[in-house]
Amino acid sequence: MSHPCLSCGACCAYFRVSFHWSEADPALGGRVPPALTVPLRAHELAMRGTEGGAAPRCIALDADIGRYSRCSIHPVRPQACRDVPASWEFGAPSPQCDKSRIAHGLQALTPADWAWREAANDRQGPPGSGAAGDDAPSDDTPPPALPPPVAA
């Protein structure tokens, strides 16, 4: 079983994705590709395809809604996208997720849609045990050094 978002994509084809312009300004540390955005208001940009109209669809969405889905800029997606959780992923419903899924003819997610993750966690064993899927080091190796901060 995989993450429900990988077979959905409804939120990316339902809501306008708007955010502060600095998220697309590389000089200020912005990582959203500017070419995929359009001006919205004085201090806001929107992802192309979501800025208006009856059928929004983010330009970064590669999906057949309800069958497969991926964000082509997932590691650098806007904060607005990061802020929309899948329903029940963190133990609570998500009105945005539910509304967009229902609009696309999909059922809202339930806690049962996350049972696969709980089962996978149960098989992993305690952190540091070296069990399958465990990211924690099993020895006393220090974590890698962080890069120096970037001056604004």
C-alpha atoms as a PDB file:
ATOM      1  CA  MET A   1       0.000   0.000   0.000  1.00  0.00           C
ATOM      2  CA  SER A   2       1.288   3.490  -0.742  1.00  0.00           C
ATOM      3  CA  HIS A   3       0.500   6.969   0.508  1.00  0.00           C
ATOM      4  CA  PRO A   4      -3.078   7.951  -0.526  1.00  0.00           C
ATOM      5  CA  CYS A   5      -1.833  11.163  -2.154  1.00  0.00           C
ATOM      6  CA  LEU A   6       0.027   9.072  -4.747  1.00  0.00           C
ATOM      7  CA  SER A   7      -3.304   7.928  -6.165  1.00  0.00           C
ATOM      8  CA  CYS A   8      -5.214  11.179  -5.700  1.00  0.00           C
ATOM      9  CA  GLY A   9      -4.066  14.674  -6.785  1.00  0.00           C
ATOM     10  CA  ALA A  10      -7.505  16.178  -6.155  1.00  0.00           C
ATOM     11  CA  CYS A  11      -6.302  19.148  -4.086  1.00  0.00           C
ATOM     12  CA  CYS A  12      -3.882  20.183  -6.852  1.00  0.00           C
ATOM     13  CA  ALA A  13      -6.776  20.231  -9.312  1.00  0.00           C
ATOM     14  CA  TYR A  14      -9.285  22.002  -7.090  1.00  0.00           C
ATOM     15  CA  PHE A  15      -7.738  24.881  -5.147  1.00  0.00           C
ATOM     16  CA  ARG A  16      -5.867  28.019  -6.155  1.00  0.00           C
ATOM     17  CA  VAL A  17      -2.269  27.723  -4.970  1.00  0.00           C
ATOM     18  CA  SER A  18      -1.234  31.217  -3.911  1.00  0.00           C
ATOM     19  CA  PHE A  19       1.769  32.271  -1.876  1.00  0.00           C
ATOM     20  CA  HIS A  20       4.093  35.172  -1.085  1.00  0.00           C
ATOM     21  CA  TRP A  21       6.309  36.143  -4.037  1.00  0.00           C
ATOM     22  CA  SER A  22       9.489  35.566  -2.010  1.00  0.00           C
ATOM     23  CA  GLU A  23       8.944  31.795  -2.223  1.00  0.00           C
ATOM     24  CA  ALA A  24       9.841  32.069  -5.921  1.00  0.00           C
ATOM     25  CA  ASP A  25      12.707  34.546  -5.568  1.00  0.00           C
ATOM     26  CA  PRO A  26      16.034  32.656  -5.561  1.00  0.00           C
ATOM     27  CA  ALA A  27      17.852  35.738  -4.228  1.00  0.00           C
ATOM     28  CA  LEU A  28      15.754  35.466  -1.056  1.00  0.00           C
ATOM     29  CA  GLY A  29      16.045  31.694  -0.735  1.00  0.00           C
ATOM     30  CA  GLY A  30      12.811  30.994  -2.616  1.00  0.00           C
ATOM     31  CA  ARG A  31      12.760  27.570  -4.249  1.00  0.00           C
ATOM     32  CA  VAL A  32       9.496  27.498  -6.228  1.00  0.00           C
ATOM     33  CA  PRO A  33      10.411  27.709  -9.944  1.00  0.00           C
ATOM     34  CA  PRO A  34       9.394  31.251 -11.033  1.00  0.00           C
ATOM     35  CA  ALA A  35       8.513  30.051 -14.547  1.00  0.00           C
ATOM     36  CA  LEU A  36       5.678  27.980 -13.051  1.00  0.00           C
ATOM     37  CA  THR A  37       4.056  30.986 -11.369  1.00  0.00           C
ATOM     38  CA  VAL A  38       1.880  33.936 -12.371  1.00  0.00           C
ATOM     39  CA  PRO A  39       1.319  37.250 -10.552  1.00  0.00           C
ATOM     40  CA  LEU A  40      -1.867  37.278  -8.491  1.00  0.00           C
ATOM     41  CA  ARG A  41      -1.847  40.366  -6.247  1.00  0.00           C
ATOM     42  CA  ALA A  42       0.775  42.881  -5.127  1.00  0.00           C
ATOM     43  CA  HIS A  43       2.552  40.424  -2.823  1.00  0.00           C
ATOM     44  CA  GLU A  44       1.230  37.113  -4.098  1.00  0.00           C
ATOM     45  CA  LEU A  45       1.954  34.669  -6.874  1.00  0.00           C
ATOM     46  CA  ALA A  46      -0.074  31.630  -7.892  1.00  0.00           C
ATOM     47  CA  MET A  47       0.962  28.382  -9.464  1.00  0.00           C
ATOM     48  CA  ARG A  48       0.114  28.465 -13.174  1.00  0.00           C
ATOM     49  CA  GLY A  49      -3.189  26.783 -13.873  1.00  0.00           C
ATOM     50  CA  THR A  50      -4.649  27.573 -10.447  1.00  0.00           C
ATOM     51  CA  GLU A  51      -4.973  31.358 -10.699  1.00  0.00           C
ATOM     52  CA  GLY A  52      -8.625  31.391 -11.762  1.00  0.00           C
ATOM     53  CA  GLY A  53     -11.285  29.762 -13.839  1.00  0.00           C
ATOM     54  CA  ALA A  54     -13.701  26.909 -13.402  1.00  0.00           C
ATOM     55  CA  ALA A  55     -11.205  24.039 -13.641  1.00  0.00           C
ATOM     56  CA  PRO A  56      -7.999  24.802 -11.729  1.00  0.00           C
ATOM     57  CA  ARG A  57      -5.100  22.398 -12.211  1.00  0.00           C
ATOM     58  CA  CYS A  58      -1.577  23.093 -11.046  1.00  0.00           C
ATOM     59  CA  ILE A  59       1.026  23.089 -13.789  1.00  0.00           C
ATOM     60  CA  ALA A  60       3.295  20.956 -11.574  1.00  0.00           C
ATOM     61  CA  LEU A  61       0.691  18.194 -11.219  1.00  0.00           C
ATOM     62  CA  ASP A  62       1.349  14.985 -13.126  1.00  0.00           C
ATOM     63  CA  ALA A  63      -1.803  12.970 -12.465  1.00  0.00           C
ATOM     64  CA  ASP A  64      -4.855  11.105 -13.542  1.00  0.00           C
ATOM     65  CA  ILE A  65      -6.993  12.174 -10.578  1.00  0.00           C
ATOM     66  CA  GLY A  66      -7.922   9.213  -8.409  1.00  0.00           C
ATOM     67  CA  ARG A  67      -5.551   6.843 -10.214  1.00  0.00           C
ATOM     68  CA  TYR A  68      -1.994   8.184  -9.920  1.00  0.00           C
ATOM     69  CA  SER A  69      -0.523  11.484  -8.839  1.00  0.00           C
ATOM     70  CA  ARG A  70       2.800  13.189  -8.337  1.00  0.00           C
ATOM     71  CA  CYS A  71       3.989  16.729  -7.900  1.00  0.00           C
ATOM     72  CA  SER A  72       6.801  17.430 -10.344  1.00  0.00           C
ATOM     73  CA  ILE A  73       8.272  19.995  -7.909  1.00  0.00           C
ATOM     74  CA  HIS A  74       7.445  18.218  -4.627  1.00  0.00           C
ATOM     75  CA  PRO A  75      10.746  19.021  -2.829  1.00  0.00           C
ATOM     76  CA  VAL A  76      10.370  22.742  -3.667  1.00  0.00           C
ATOM     77  CA  ARG A  77       6.572  23.106  -3.656  1.00  0.00           C
ATOM     78  CA  PRO A  78       5.064  26.257  -2.094  1.00  0.00           C
ATOM     79  CA  GLN A  79       4.273  26.426   1.606  1.00  0.00           C
ATOM     80  CA  ALA A  80       0.555  26.532   0.769  1.00  0.00           C
ATOM     81  CA  CYS A  81       0.889  22.996  -0.618  1.00  0.00           C
ATOM     82  CA  ARG A  82       2.927  21.811   2.364  1.00  0.00           C
ATOM     83  CA  ASP A  83       0.197  23.100   4.674  1.00  0.00           C
ATOM     84  CA  VAL A  84      -2.582  20.861   3.286  1.00  0.00           C
ATOM     85  CA  PRO A  85      -2.370  17.476   5.005  1.00  0.00           C
ATOM     86  CA  ALA A  86      -4.164  14.401   3.787  1.00  0.00           C
ATOM     87  CA  SER A  87      -7.195  13.650   5.952  1.00  0.00           C
ATOM     88  CA  TRP A  88      -6.307  11.596   9.009  1.00  0.00           C
ATOM     89  CA  GLU A  89      -2.608  11.425   8.110  1.00  0.00           C
ATOM     90  CA  PHE A  90      -1.845  13.079  11.438  1.00  0.00           C
ATOM     91  CA  GLY A  91      -4.924  11.883  13.333  1.00  0.00           C
ATOM     92  CA  ALA A  92      -7.427  14.533  12.241  1.00  0.00           C
ATOM     93  CA  PRO A  93      -9.622  15.231   9.209  1.00  0.00           C
ATOM     94  CA  SER A  94      -8.502  17.803   6.636  1.00  0.00           C
ATOM     95  CA  PRO A  95     -11.393  19.881   5.269  1.00  0.00           C
ATOM     96  CA  GLN A  96      -9.343  20.841   2.190  1.00  0.00           C
ATOM     97  CA  CYS A  97      -8.496  17.227   1.396  1.00  0.00           C
ATOM     98  CA  ASP A  98     -12.064  16.030   1.952  1.00  0.00           C
ATOM     99  CA  LYS A  99     -13.622  18.835  -0.120  1.00  0.00           C
ATOM    100  CA  SER A 100     -11.314  18.334  -3.107  1.00  0.00           C
ATOM    101  CA  ARG A 101     -11.619  14.538  -3.088  1.00  0.00           C
ATOM    102  CA  ILE A 102     -15.414  14.701  -2.961  1.00  0.00           C
ATOM    103  CA  ALA A 103     -15.471  17.278  -5.784  1.00  0.00           C
ATOM    104  CA  HIS A 104     -13.549  14.798  -7.951  1.00  0.00           C
ATOM    105  CA  GLY A 105     -15.875  11.905  -7.095  1.00  0.00           C
ATOM    106  CA  LEU A 106     -13.514  10.270  -4.594  1.00  0.00           C
ATOM    107  CA  GLN A 107     -14.433   9.265  -1.059  1.00  0.00           C
ATOM    108  CA  ALA A 108     -12.978  11.254   1.812  1.00  0.00           C
ATOM    109  CA  LEU A 109     -10.093   9.485   3.530  1.00  0.00           C
ATOM    110  CA  THR A 110     -10.695   7.792   6.879  1.00  0.00           C
ATOM    111  CA  PRO A 111      -8.397   6.558   9.645  1.00  0.00           C
ATOM    112  CA  ALA A 112      -8.625   3.102   8.027  1.00  0.00           C
ATOM    113  CA  ASP A 113      -6.777   4.476   4.975  1.00  0.00           C
ATOM    114  CA  TRP A 114      -3.679   4.762   7.194  1.00  0.00           C
ATOM    115  CA  ALA A 115      -3.740   1.252   8.695  1.00  0.00           C
ATOM    116  CA  TRP A 116      -1.019   0.158   6.253  1.00  0.00           C
ATOM    117  CA  ARG A 117       1.352   2.737   7.743  1.00  0.00           C
ATOM    118  CA  GLU A 118       0.693   1.602  11.298  1.00  0.00           C
ATOM    119  CA  ALA A 119       1.307  -2.011  10.283  1.00  0.00           C
ATOM    120  CA  ALA A 120       4.595  -1.002   8.610  1.00  0.00           C
ATOM    121  CA  ASN A 121       5.643   0.873  11.746  1.00  0.00           C
ATOM    122  CA  ASP A 122       4.879  -2.181  13.887  1.00  0.00           C
ATOM    123  CA  ARG A 123       7.232  -4.309  11.732  1.00  0.00           C
ATOM    124  CA  GLN A 124      10.092  -1.838  11.996  1.00  0.00           C
ATOM    125  CA  GLY A 125      11.002  -2.375  15.622  1.00  0.00           C
ATOM    126  CA  PRO A 126      12.325   0.315  17.927  1.00  0.00           C
ATOM    127  CA  PRO A 127      14.457   3.152  16.500  1.00  0.00           C
ATOM    128  CA  GLY A 128      18.097   2.201  16.254  1.00  0.00           C
ATOM    129  CA  SER A 129      17.355  -1.523  16.158  1.00  0.00           C
ATOM    130  CA  GLY A 130      18.391  -1.843  12.529  1.00  0.00           C
ATOM    131  CA  ALA A 131      14.992  -3.322  11.632  1.00  0.00           C
ATOM    132  CA  ALA A 132      13.692  -2.925   8.076  1.00  0.00           C
ATOM    133  CA  GLY A 133      12.749   0.681   7.333  1.00  0.00           C
ATOM    134  CA  ASP A 134      14.541   2.058  10.384  1.00  0.00           C
ATOM    135  CA  ASP A 135      16.332   5.303   9.512  1.00  0.00           C
ATOM    136  CA  ALA A 136      18.079   5.639  12.854  1.00  0.00           C
ATOM    137  CA  PRO A 137      21.753   4.664  13.006  1.00  0.00           C
ATOM    138  CA  SER A 138      22.412   1.533  15.043  1.00  0.00           C
ATOM    139  CA  ASP A 139      25.774   2.746  16.331  1.00  0.00           C
ATOM    140  CA  ASP A 140      27.057   5.954  17.912  1.00  0.00           C
ATOM    141  CA  THR A 141      27.797   7.652  14.582  1.00  0.00           C
ATOM    142  CA  PRO A 142      27.161  11.403  14.919  1.00  0.00           C
ATOM    143  CA  PRO A 143      24.739  12.993  12.472  1.00  0.00           C
ATOM    144  CA  PRO A 144      26.236  14.767   9.450  1.00  0.00           C
ATOM    145  CA  ALA A 145      27.217  18.401   9.919  1.00  0.00           C
ATOM    146  CA  LEU A 146      24.714  21.030   8.811  1.00  0.00           C
ATOM    147  CA  PRO A 147      25.753  23.458   6.062  1.00  0.00           C
ATOM    148  CA  PRO A 148      26.590  27.008   7.163  1.00  0.00           C
ATOM    149  CA  PRO A 149      23.650  29.442   7.252  1.00  0.00           C
ATOM    150  CA  VAL A 150      23.028  31.611   4.220  1.00  0.00           C
ATOM    151  CA  ALA A 151      23.032  35.353   4.837  1.00  0.00           C
ATOM    152  CA  ALA A 152      19.871  37.129   3.693  1.00  0.00           C
END
